[in-house]
Protein backbone atom coordinates (compact mmCIF):
# COMPACT_ATOMS: atom_id res chain seq x y z
CA MET A 1 103.68 -47.24 -29.21
CA LEU A 2 101.28 -49.02 -30.41
CA SER A 3 102.23 -52.15 -28.23
CA PRO A 4 99.02 -52.98 -25.54
CA GLN A 5 99.76 -52.20 -21.91
CA SER A 6 100.01 -54.02 -18.78
CA GLU A 7 99.12 -51.80 -16.66
CA ILE A 8 97.70 -48.09 -17.26
CA ASN A 9 97.41 -45.84 -14.35
CA GLU A 10 94.42 -43.54 -13.51
CA CYS A 11 96.41 -40.17 -14.91
CA GLU A 12 96.71 -42.08 -17.99
CA ARG A 13 93.64 -43.14 -18.70
CA GLU A 14 91.58 -40.14 -17.59
CA GLY A 15 93.94 -38.34 -20.72
CA ALA A 16 92.91 -40.83 -23.05
CA LEU A 17 89.11 -40.20 -22.35
CA GLN A 18 89.53 -36.60 -22.98
CA ARG A 19 91.39 -36.59 -25.88
CA LEU A 20 88.66 -39.29 -27.03
CA GLY A 21 86.38 -36.17 -27.56
CA ILE A 22 88.87 -34.87 -29.97
CA GLU A 23 90.16 -37.72 -31.49
CA ALA A 24 85.88 -37.44 -32.73
CA ALA A 25 86.32 -34.25 -34.14
CA PHE A 26 88.62 -34.80 -36.39
CA SER A 27 87.36 -38.48 -37.48
CA ASN A 28 83.65 -36.88 -37.87
CA THR A 29 84.98 -33.58 -39.99
CA THR A 30 86.55 -36.30 -42.33
CA ALA A 31 83.44 -37.81 -42.53
CA ALA A 32 81.19 -34.89 -43.28
CA LEU A 33 83.88 -33.69 -46.31
CA THR A 34 83.72 -36.72 -47.44
CA THR A 35 81.44 -38.98 -47.33
CA GLY A 36 77.55 -39.37 -47.71
CA ALA A 37 75.80 -36.36 -49.70
CA ILE A 38 79.22 -35.19 -50.56
CA LEU A 39 80.70 -38.57 -52.30
CA ALA A 40 77.31 -38.52 -53.54
CA ALA A 41 77.97 -35.32 -55.32
CA PHE A 42 81.65 -35.59 -55.88
CA ALA A 43 80.44 -39.04 -58.24
CA LEU A 44 77.79 -37.23 -60.17
CA HIS A 45 80.29 -34.56 -61.22
CA LEU A 46 82.93 -37.35 -62.53
CA GLY A 47 79.77 -38.34 -64.49
CA ALA A 48 78.75 -41.65 -62.73
CA ASN A 49 75.37 -43.11 -63.70
CA ASN A 50 72.70 -44.17 -61.02
CA PHE A 51 74.68 -47.87 -61.18
CA THR A 52 77.36 -46.34 -59.68
CA ILE A 53 75.26 -43.94 -57.39
CA GLY A 54 73.74 -47.35 -55.92
CA LEU A 55 77.22 -49.12 -55.84
CA LEU A 56 79.12 -46.50 -54.07
CA ALA A 57 76.25 -46.52 -51.54
CA ALA A 58 76.07 -50.03 -50.89
CA ILE A 59 80.02 -50.84 -50.81
CA PRO A 60 79.61 -49.09 -46.81
CA PHE A 61 77.36 -52.18 -45.88
CA LEU A 62 78.31 -54.94 -47.80
CA THR A 63 82.26 -54.67 -46.95
CA GLN A 64 81.06 -54.84 -42.84
CA ILE A 65 81.39 -58.51 -44.01
CA ALA A 66 85.16 -57.89 -43.42
CA GLN A 67 84.84 -57.58 -39.39
CA LEU A 68 84.75 -61.71 -39.77
CA PRO A 69 88.61 -61.35 -40.56
CA ALA A 70 88.70 -58.18 -38.19
CA ILE A 71 87.55 -60.73 -35.43
CA TRP A 72 90.47 -63.52 -36.23
CA LEU A 73 93.60 -61.11 -36.35
CA ILE A 74 92.33 -59.39 -33.32
CA GLU A 75 92.20 -63.14 -31.44
CA ARG A 76 95.22 -63.79 -33.50
CA TYR A 77 97.60 -61.01 -32.52
CA ARG A 78 95.70 -59.14 -30.27
CA ALA A 79 96.57 -55.98 -30.64
CA ARG A 80 93.82 -54.15 -31.28
CA LYS A 81 95.17 -50.60 -31.64
CA ARG A 82 97.93 -51.64 -33.91
CA ILE A 83 95.09 -53.06 -35.86
CA ALA A 84 93.18 -50.06 -35.80
CA VAL A 85 95.99 -47.69 -36.67
CA ILE A 86 97.43 -49.18 -39.00
CA SER A 87 93.85 -49.77 -40.96
CA SER A 88 93.07 -46.48 -40.04
CA VAL A 89 96.28 -44.73 -42.12
CA ILE A 90 95.29 -47.19 -44.92
CA GLY A 91 91.98 -46.39 -45.11
CA ARG A 92 92.28 -42.88 -45.40
CA SER A 93 95.39 -42.41 -47.31
CA MET A 94 92.95 -43.38 -49.87
CA LEU A 95 91.11 -40.22 -49.58
CA GLY A 96 94.21 -38.38 -50.80
CA VAL A 97 93.81 -40.43 -53.49
CA MET A 98 90.65 -39.19 -54.32
CA ALA A 99 91.66 -35.66 -53.90
CA LEU A 100 93.72 -36.50 -57.10
CA LEU A 101 90.38 -38.04 -59.15
CA PRO A 102 89.16 -34.86 -60.42
CA PHE A 103 92.49 -34.82 -62.58
CA ALA A 104 92.31 -38.58 -63.80
CA GLU A 105 90.76 -38.45 -67.41
CA GLY A 106 89.29 -41.90 -67.94
CA LEU A 107 90.65 -43.21 -64.52
CA ALA A 108 88.32 -41.25 -61.95
CA LEU A 109 85.14 -43.36 -61.76
CA PRO A 110 87.16 -46.77 -61.61
CA GLY A 111 89.58 -44.96 -59.22
CA LEU A 112 86.68 -43.81 -57.51
CA PHE A 113 84.74 -47.09 -56.82
CA ALA A 114 88.68 -48.84 -56.03
CA THR A 115 89.39 -46.30 -53.49
CA THR A 116 85.91 -46.32 -51.79
CA LEU A 117 85.94 -49.68 -51.34
CA ILE A 118 89.43 -50.06 -49.73
CA LEU A 119 88.41 -47.15 -47.62
CA CYS A 120 85.09 -48.90 -46.25
CA LEU A 121 87.33 -52.40 -45.74
CA MET A 122 89.67 -50.85 -43.95
CA GLY A 123 87.03 -48.87 -41.58
CA ALA A 124 85.66 -52.13 -41.10
CA ILE A 125 88.13 -53.63 -39.81
CA GLY A 126 89.75 -51.06 -37.84
CA GLY A 127 86.14 -50.34 -36.29
CA CYS A 128 86.07 -53.73 -35.02
CA ALA A 129 89.22 -53.34 -33.07
CA TRP A 130 88.48 -50.01 -32.17
CA ASN A 131 84.95 -50.82 -30.63
CA ALA A 132 86.73 -54.09 -29.07
CA TRP A 133 89.55 -51.13 -27.64
CA MET A 134 87.25 -48.73 -26.15
CA ARG A 135 85.02 -51.23 -24.47
CA ASP A 136 88.31 -52.15 -22.43
CA LEU A 137 89.49 -48.60 -22.22
CA THR A 138 86.54 -46.76 -20.65
CA PRO A 139 85.04 -48.06 -17.14
CA ASP A 140 81.38 -49.07 -17.13
CA GLU A 141 80.28 -46.49 -14.69
CA ARG A 142 81.62 -43.59 -17.07
CA MET A 143 80.67 -45.18 -20.02
CA GLY A 144 77.61 -43.27 -20.58
CA ARG A 145 79.20 -39.97 -19.83
CA VAL A 146 82.55 -40.40 -22.18
CA PHE A 147 80.43 -41.20 -25.26
CA ALA A 148 77.87 -38.51 -24.58
CA ARG A 149 80.41 -36.11 -24.80
CA ARG A 150 82.35 -37.71 -27.64
CA THR A 151 79.00 -37.70 -29.58
CA LEU A 152 78.42 -34.28 -28.73
CA TYR A 153 82.30 -33.15 -30.42
CA ALA A 154 81.36 -35.67 -33.34
CA THR A 155 77.38 -34.30 -33.86
CA VAL A 156 79.13 -30.37 -33.62
CA THR A 157 81.65 -30.82 -36.26
CA LEU A 158 79.70 -33.03 -38.50
CA MET A 159 77.26 -29.85 -38.79
CA ILE A 160 80.23 -27.09 -38.93
CA ALA A 161 82.64 -29.32 -42.02
CA GLY A 162 79.45 -30.34 -43.39
CA LEU A 163 78.36 -27.03 -44.23
CA ALA A 164 81.50 -25.24 -44.71
CA ALA A 165 81.95 -28.18 -47.69
CA GLY A 166 77.94 -27.06 -48.91
CA ILE A 167 78.98 -23.23 -49.00
CA GLY A 168 82.11 -23.90 -51.14
CA LEU A 169 80.70 -26.31 -53.27
CA GLN A 170 77.64 -23.92 -53.61
CA PHE A 171 80.22 -21.18 -54.60
CA SER A 172 82.00 -23.30 -57.24
CA GLY A 173 78.75 -23.44 -58.86
CA SER A 174 78.78 -24.96 -62.12
CA ASP A 175 82.24 -24.19 -63.32
CA ALA A 176 83.81 -27.33 -63.76
CA GLU A 177 87.54 -26.03 -62.82
CA ARG A 178 86.23 -24.72 -60.32
CA LEU A 179 84.61 -28.16 -58.83
CA ASP A 180 87.60 -29.89 -60.10
CA LEU A 181 89.37 -28.41 -57.41
CA THR A 182 87.19 -27.30 -54.69
CA PHE A 183 86.18 -31.39 -54.63
CA SER A 184 90.26 -32.07 -54.42
CA ILE A 185 90.49 -29.62 -51.57
CA LEU A 186 87.59 -31.02 -49.79
CA TYR A 187 89.07 -34.79 -49.70
CA LEU A 188 92.66 -33.83 -49.22
CA ALA A 189 91.51 -31.85 -45.75
CA GLY A 190 89.44 -34.83 -45.37
CA CYS A 191 92.86 -36.89 -45.42
CA ILE A 192 94.72 -34.25 -43.70
CA SER A 193 91.83 -34.82 -40.74
CA GLY A 194 91.39 -38.43 -40.73
CA MET A 195 95.90 -38.62 -40.26
CA ILE A 196 95.70 -36.93 -37.46
CA SER A 197 93.17 -38.40 -36.06
CA ALA A 198 94.74 -41.77 -36.48
CA ALA A 199 97.54 -40.21 -34.88
CA ILE A 200 95.90 -39.33 -31.72
CA ALA A 201 94.45 -42.77 -31.78
CA ALA A 202 97.87 -44.32 -31.53
CA ARG A 203 98.62 -42.01 -28.49
CA LEU A 204 95.93 -43.48 -26.28
CA PRO A 205 96.87 -46.57 -24.24
CA GLU A 206 95.78 -49.80 -25.01
CA PRO A 207 94.87 -52.04 -22.10
CA ARG A 208 96.36 -55.86 -22.42
CA MET A 209 94.05 -58.38 -23.56
CA SER A 210 92.92 -61.63 -21.87
CA ASN A 211 94.54 -64.61 -22.30
CA ARG A 212 93.70 -66.48 -25.26
CA VAL A 213 91.03 -68.70 -25.88
CA GLU A 214 92.29 -71.50 -28.16
CA ASN A 215 89.28 -73.12 -28.76
CA ARG A 216 88.37 -72.08 -32.75
CA ILE A 217 85.15 -70.02 -33.48
CA ARG A 218 83.24 -71.42 -36.23
CA LEU A 219 81.00 -68.79 -38.35
CA TRP A 220 78.14 -71.66 -38.46
CA LYS A 221 78.00 -72.47 -35.10
CA ILE A 222 77.65 -68.56 -34.55
CA VAL A 223 74.97 -68.13 -36.67
CA ARG A 224 72.05 -71.42 -36.03
CA ALA A 225 71.76 -70.42 -32.80
CA PRO A 226 70.13 -66.76 -33.86
CA LEU A 227 68.44 -68.23 -36.68
CA ALA A 228 67.09 -71.29 -34.17
CA ASN A 229 65.68 -68.41 -31.63
CA ARG A 230 62.00 -67.63 -33.74
CA ASN A 231 61.39 -64.14 -31.92
CA PHE A 232 64.96 -62.93 -32.58
CA ARG A 233 64.55 -64.64 -36.56
CA GLN A 234 61.38 -62.85 -36.49
CA LEU A 235 63.48 -59.28 -35.39
CA MET A 236 66.15 -60.02 -38.24
CA ILE A 237 63.50 -60.30 -41.24
CA PHE A 238 62.07 -56.91 -39.52
CA ILE A 239 65.24 -55.07 -39.86
CA CYS A 240 65.95 -56.46 -43.13
CA TRP A 241 62.76 -55.58 -44.73
CA TRP A 242 63.62 -52.07 -42.92
CA GLN A 243 67.14 -51.79 -43.92
CA PHE A 244 66.33 -52.53 -47.26
CA ALA A 245 63.10 -49.99 -47.58
CA VAL A 246 65.26 -47.04 -46.51
CA ASN A 247 68.32 -48.03 -48.35
CA LEU A 248 66.51 -48.32 -51.77
CA ALA A 249 65.72 -44.77 -52.02
CA THR A 250 67.92 -42.49 -49.46
CA PRO A 251 71.03 -43.49 -50.94
CA PHE A 252 69.37 -40.81 -53.88
CA PHE A 253 68.33 -38.10 -52.29
CA THR A 254 71.13 -35.77 -53.32
CA VAL A 255 70.97 -37.07 -56.93
CA PHE A 256 66.95 -36.15 -56.44
CA PHE A 257 67.84 -32.75 -55.62
CA ILE A 258 70.42 -32.09 -57.78
CA ASN A 259 69.30 -33.88 -60.73
CA SER A 260 65.54 -33.23 -60.80
CA LEU A 261 65.16 -30.11 -58.10
CA GLY A 262 67.49 -28.28 -59.60
CA TYR A 263 68.95 -27.59 -56.35
CA GLY A 264 73.18 -26.73 -55.07
CA MET A 265 74.84 -28.16 -52.69
CA GLY A 266 74.62 -25.32 -50.17
CA PHE A 267 70.67 -26.33 -49.96
CA VAL A 268 71.33 -29.95 -49.69
CA MET A 269 73.39 -29.83 -46.82
CA VAL A 270 71.52 -27.51 -45.32
CA LEU A 271 69.04 -30.57 -45.27
CA THR A 272 71.25 -32.90 -44.08
CA ILE A 273 72.16 -30.19 -41.31
CA VAL A 274 68.80 -29.49 -40.25
CA SER A 275 68.12 -33.44 -39.73
CA GLN A 276 71.26 -33.81 -38.21
CA ILE A 277 70.16 -31.16 -35.23
CA ALA A 278 66.52 -33.03 -35.05
CA ASN A 279 68.13 -36.01 -34.26
CA ALA A 280 70.57 -34.49 -31.61
CA LEU A 281 67.91 -32.46 -29.95
CA MET A 282 65.02 -35.73 -30.05
CA LEU A 283 67.77 -38.25 -28.91
CA GLY A 284 67.32 -38.28 -25.36
CA ASN A 285 63.65 -38.34 -25.55
CA TRP A 286 63.61 -41.32 -27.16
CA GLY A 287 65.86 -43.20 -24.23
CA ARG A 288 63.53 -42.12 -22.22
CA LEU A 289 60.47 -43.28 -24.21
CA THR A 290 62.25 -46.41 -24.53
CA ASP A 291 63.26 -47.16 -20.93
CA ARG A 292 59.77 -45.98 -19.87
CA PHE A 293 57.83 -48.03 -22.48
CA ASN A 294 59.42 -50.48 -24.44
CA ASN A 295 61.32 -50.35 -28.14
CA ARG A 296 58.64 -52.23 -30.47
CA SER A 297 56.66 -49.83 -28.88
CA VAL A 298 58.57 -46.82 -29.62
CA LEU A 299 59.33 -48.93 -33.61
CA MET A 300 55.76 -48.65 -33.94
CA VAL A 301 55.70 -44.76 -33.60
CA SER A 302 59.09 -43.80 -35.16
CA ALA A 303 59.22 -46.14 -38.15
CA PRO A 304 55.70 -45.00 -39.58
CA VAL A 305 56.86 -41.34 -39.51
CA TYR A 306 60.38 -42.22 -41.36
CA ILE A 307 58.77 -44.20 -44.22
CA PHE A 308 56.03 -41.55 -44.06
CA CYS A 309 59.00 -38.48 -44.71
CA ILE A 310 60.52 -40.80 -47.75
CA VAL A 311 56.95 -41.33 -49.56
CA ALA A 312 56.30 -37.35 -48.84
CA MET A 313 59.30 -36.25 -50.84
CA ILE A 314 56.86 -37.06 -53.83
CA GLY A 315 55.33 -33.97 -52.88
CA ALA A 316 58.87 -32.39 -53.54
CA SER A 317 58.14 -32.58 -57.52
CA GLN A 318 54.66 -31.26 -57.28
CA PHE A 319 55.11 -27.73 -56.12
CA ALA A 320 55.13 -24.86 -58.46
CA TYR A 321 56.49 -22.31 -56.21
CA THR A 322 60.27 -23.09 -55.20
CA ASP A 323 59.49 -21.42 -51.45
CA GLY A 324 57.22 -24.22 -50.89
CA ARG A 325 58.86 -26.70 -52.07
CA ASP A 326 61.86 -25.04 -49.72
CA ALA A 327 59.77 -25.66 -46.68
CA TRP A 328 57.98 -28.58 -47.43
CA LEU A 329 61.39 -30.26 -47.60
CA ILE A 330 62.89 -28.85 -44.56
CA ALA A 331 59.88 -29.30 -42.65
CA LEU A 332 60.56 -33.52 -43.88
CA HIS A 333 64.13 -33.27 -42.94
CA ILE A 334 63.10 -32.46 -39.38
CA LEU A 335 60.58 -35.35 -38.95
CA MET A 336 63.05 -37.76 -40.62
CA GLY A 337 65.96 -36.77 -38.24
CA SER A 338 64.05 -36.66 -35.32
CA SER A 339 62.05 -40.05 -35.88
CA LEU A 340 65.14 -41.85 -37.07
CA GLY A 341 66.69 -41.01 -33.25
CA GLY A 342 64.32 -43.17 -32.09
CA THR A 343 64.07 -45.83 -34.62
CA THR A 344 67.62 -46.73 -35.00
CA LEU A 345 68.48 -46.54 -30.79
CA ALA A 346 65.16 -49.08 -30.15
CA MET A 347 66.13 -51.14 -32.86
CA THR A 348 69.77 -51.49 -30.93
CA ASN A 349 68.27 -51.65 -27.94
CA ILE A 350 65.72 -54.80 -29.23
CA ALA A 351 68.26 -56.76 -30.50
CA LEU A 352 70.78 -56.41 -27.33
CA LYS A 353 67.65 -57.10 -25.23
CA LEU A 354 66.06 -60.18 -27.20
CA SER A 355 69.63 -61.88 -26.92
CA PRO A 356 70.69 -63.74 -24.48
CA ARG A 357 72.92 -63.79 -21.56
CA GLY A 358 76.33 -64.56 -22.48
CA GLU A 359 75.49 -65.40 -25.78
CA SER A 360 74.98 -61.59 -27.38
CA THR A 361 77.60 -61.56 -29.06
CA ALA A 362 76.68 -64.23 -31.72
CA TYR A 363 73.55 -62.81 -31.73
CA ILE A 364 74.56 -58.91 -32.96
CA ALA A 365 76.76 -59.87 -35.26
CA THR A 366 74.64 -61.94 -37.36
CA SER A 367 72.28 -59.37 -37.30
CA GLY A 368 74.59 -57.05 -38.41
CA LEU A 369 75.70 -59.00 -41.10
CA ALA A 370 71.91 -59.71 -42.13
CA SER A 371 71.33 -55.72 -42.02
CA SER A 372 73.87 -55.34 -43.86
CA VAL A 373 73.31 -57.47 -47.17
CA ALA A 374 69.79 -56.14 -46.82
CA ALA A 375 70.71 -52.07 -46.84
CA GLY A 376 73.60 -52.92 -49.27
CA SER A 377 71.49 -54.85 -51.95
CA ALA A 378 69.19 -51.82 -51.84
CA PRO A 379 70.66 -49.39 -53.76
CA ILE A 380 72.71 -51.94 -56.16
CA ILE A 381 69.02 -52.74 -57.42
CA GLY A 382 67.92 -49.32 -57.09
CA GLY A 383 70.75 -47.79 -59.51
CA LEU A 384 69.70 -51.03 -61.40
CA LEU A 385 66.01 -49.56 -62.10
CA ALA A 386 66.74 -46.17 -62.05
CA ASP A 387 67.16 -45.85 -66.10
CA PHE A 388 63.85 -47.82 -66.53
CA PHE A 389 61.34 -45.88 -63.84
CA ALA A 390 63.22 -42.71 -65.87
CA VAL A 391 61.07 -43.28 -69.08
CA ARG A 392 58.14 -43.64 -66.59
CA GLN A 393 55.31 -41.75 -65.70
CA LEU A 394 52.53 -42.32 -64.42
CA ALA A 395 49.74 -39.54 -64.18
CA VAL A 396 46.01 -39.42 -61.36
CA SER A 397 43.76 -36.76 -61.64
CA VAL A 398 40.43 -35.74 -60.23
CA ASN A 399 38.35 -32.78 -62.25
CA TRP A 400 34.83 -31.63 -61.79
CA THR A 401 33.10 -30.77 -65.28
CA ASN A 402 30.00 -28.74 -64.90
CA PRO A 403 27.82 -26.86 -68.06
CA ASP A 404 30.36 -23.74 -67.65
CA ALA A 405 33.99 -24.39 -67.08
CA THR A 406 36.19 -27.94 -66.06
CA PHE A 407 37.97 -27.35 -62.57
CA ALA A 408 41.06 -29.97 -61.85
CA LEU A 409 40.33 -30.82 -58.04
CA PHE A 410 43.51 -32.96 -57.56
CA ALA A 411 46.72 -33.80 -59.88
CA LEU A 412 49.28 -36.09 -59.27
CA GLU A 413 52.20 -37.15 -61.61
CA LEU A 414 54.93 -39.64 -60.59
CA ASN A 415 58.16 -39.72 -62.37
CA HIS A 416 61.78 -41.18 -62.19
CA TRP A 417 62.45 -40.81 -58.11
CA ASP A 418 58.69 -40.35 -57.42
CA PHE A 419 58.47 -44.31 -58.02
CA PHE A 420 61.39 -44.95 -55.44
CA PHE A 421 59.90 -43.11 -53.00
CA LEU A 422 56.12 -44.69 -53.24
CA LEU A 423 58.28 -48.70 -53.45
CA SER A 424 60.41 -47.85 -50.45
CA GLY A 425 56.91 -47.05 -48.98
CA ILE A 426 55.31 -49.99 -49.54
CA VAL A 427 58.19 -52.34 -48.55
CA GLY A 428 58.61 -49.99 -45.46
CA LEU A 429 54.81 -51.22 -44.96
CA ILE A 430 56.11 -55.14 -45.30
CA ALA A 431 58.77 -54.34 -42.54
CA LEU A 432 56.20 -52.54 -40.01
CA HIS A 433 54.10 -55.23 -40.14
CA ARG A 434 56.93 -58.17 -39.81
CA LEU A 435 57.57 -55.87 -36.76
CA SER A 436 54.23 -56.80 -35.44
CA SER A 437 55.80 -60.21 -34.69
CA VAL A 438 58.10 -59.75 -32.58
CA GLU A 439 57.06 -60.09 -28.69
CA GLU A 440 59.09 -57.97 -26.31
CA ALA A 441 57.67 -57.35 -22.83
CA GLY A 442 55.87 -54.67 -21.33
CA ASP A 443 54.23 -53.76 -25.32
CA ILE A 444 51.90 -50.85 -25.41
CA GLU A 445 49.08 -49.44 -28.03
CA GLN A 446 50.40 -47.54 -30.37
CA LYS A 447 47.40 -44.86 -29.93
CA GLN A 448 47.99 -44.54 -26.52
CA MET A 449 51.37 -42.97 -27.03
CA VAL A 450 50.78 -41.29 -29.93
CA ARG A 451 47.56 -39.93 -28.08
CA GLN A 452 49.62 -38.96 -25.25
CA ILE A 453 52.65 -37.22 -27.44
CA PHE A 454 50.02 -34.98 -29.51
CA ALA A 455 48.16 -34.35 -26.10
CA GLN A 456 51.24 -32.50 -24.83
CA THR A 457 52.11 -30.60 -28.00
CA ARG A 458 48.43 -29.15 -27.99
CA SER A 459 49.08 -27.99 -24.84
CA SER A 460 52.71 -26.66 -25.00
CA ILE A 461 51.37 -24.59 -28.39
CA ASN A 462 50.07 -21.84 -26.18
CA ASN A 463 53.38 -21.44 -24.45
CA LEU A 464 55.03 -20.76 -27.70
CA SER A 465 55.90 -17.06 -26.56
CA THR A 466 58.15 -18.00 -24.07
CA VAL A 467 60.85 -19.83 -22.97
CA PRO A 468 59.69 -22.52 -20.76
CA GLY A 469 56.85 -23.19 -23.34
CA LEU A 470 60.13 -23.89 -26.34
CA ARG A 471 61.45 -26.06 -24.22
CA ALA A 472 58.05 -28.19 -23.29
CA LEU A 473 58.07 -28.86 -26.90
CA THR A 474 61.22 -31.16 -26.25
CA GLU A 475 60.63 -32.80 -23.19
CA ILE A 476 58.17 -35.65 -23.25
CA PRO A 477 55.19 -35.57 -20.62
CA GLU A 478 55.37 -37.14 -17.14
CA SER A 479 51.47 -38.58 -17.92
CA ILE A 480 53.26 -40.71 -20.60
CA PHE A 481 55.63 -42.58 -18.14
CA ARG A 482 52.66 -43.09 -15.47
CA ASP A 483 49.76 -43.71 -17.65
CA ALA A 484 52.29 -46.60 -19.45
CA LYS A 485 53.49 -47.87 -15.85
CA VAL A 486 49.20 -48.42 -14.99
CA HIS A 487 48.70 -49.93 -18.28
CA ALA A 488 52.06 -52.23 -17.87
CA ARG A 489 50.69 -53.04 -14.04
CA TRP A 490 47.18 -54.14 -15.30
CA LEU A 491 48.07 -56.45 -18.00
CA ARG A 492 50.39 -58.04 -15.36
CA ILE A 493 47.06 -58.27 -12.97
CA LYS A 494 45.08 -59.90 -16.17
CA GLN A 495 47.02 -62.13 -17.20
CA SER A 496 48.42 -63.97 -13.82
CA ALA A 497 44.52 -63.27 -13.39
CA GLY A 498 43.65 -65.57 -16.78
CA VAL A 499 41.26 -63.27 -17.68
CA GLU A 500 41.19 -62.98 -21.86
């Protein structure tokens, strides 16, 4: 059942493509119940300190280096389905072990670290085999539709399962025994869902790979070409700074919300789902923007918004009233979800675009490895610095004094995690500066794109009471595309004429 097939008929292929969506539903249910905010909350419940939280957040990135031996395994054994399924079963069986950790006194945190490490290592190996397998199974002309449907299934199940997990933890309250049981149920359910996903994958056909290439692949040759390309090297530097900036703060959001602001997991999961919905709604618009403008121009708009949102998390600790703080956090997560979709899409596209044809695998692999190291090192460093900032405070106030009284015009107090958000913003500015060194054909001015978006938004506000008006808020105006094309044509004429 796990062996590749020399021939796959149309009926088998069609059935497999239909089952991909179902497989995505189960695999993403596993992710929603066991990773992200749930994993951070589980670690806190088991008594993890800030360094442990950072280390757990770093493992998924650092284990991506396992894709290198995965490539060797695939080339050596030519059995991508077998590698993907066996890796999935081994990795996801660790979730069953995690379900027992609340009842393993003294071994809970070491066990959590060890099982997470095995899970992520197997995920990296299996993911490499899965991607290569799906590339050959899915016809080129249907790839967009197939994976769009798969993404839809994934998004819906992520939201439903994530919300259910948050509600379960919210109702468990602070009772230790009830939380032990709730986390155990979540991880057991995640294990079962993951095994169902692996069983579905095992029944999908795998096309037989082409004849083996006997030439040995040397890592230093793969890395040398991208590093020698100046423009791609500048892109890699930007990506590394960006990943470091984002992952210095975001892995600790759950800790900040629960320990500093006193929220329960129910509200934390609501914030996560709000961000995911905003991401899904805006992703199509960002895709059209990257097609009509270019990726660098989109990054110059979406990336600063995301960095602003991280820094603006400082405002959450300044609110005296809970309602205002709730609204502030929800608004920030809407902006973060919306901007993250554009940033991720444009970053992936520009890496592909700047990779020379025929050499894209080496370029993307090198970029991915450098990105993973930067993203993995950031939360570890953050965890090490957390205790240092925990006992520091910076207060800034502006007062007005007259003969009768003194009035406080402005007051800002930075404590603990606030320093991380500010530091993340500073590193993010460095990343944006590095982005300015990257060259891509078709650049337009950042001000022009922002001006057009805001102009369309203002014109849409008058129609908020109608369904078409609401729809207009999520549509990118055609005037942006028209002006971008005119601007790009003018630049080409100017360059061909030699005008400075």
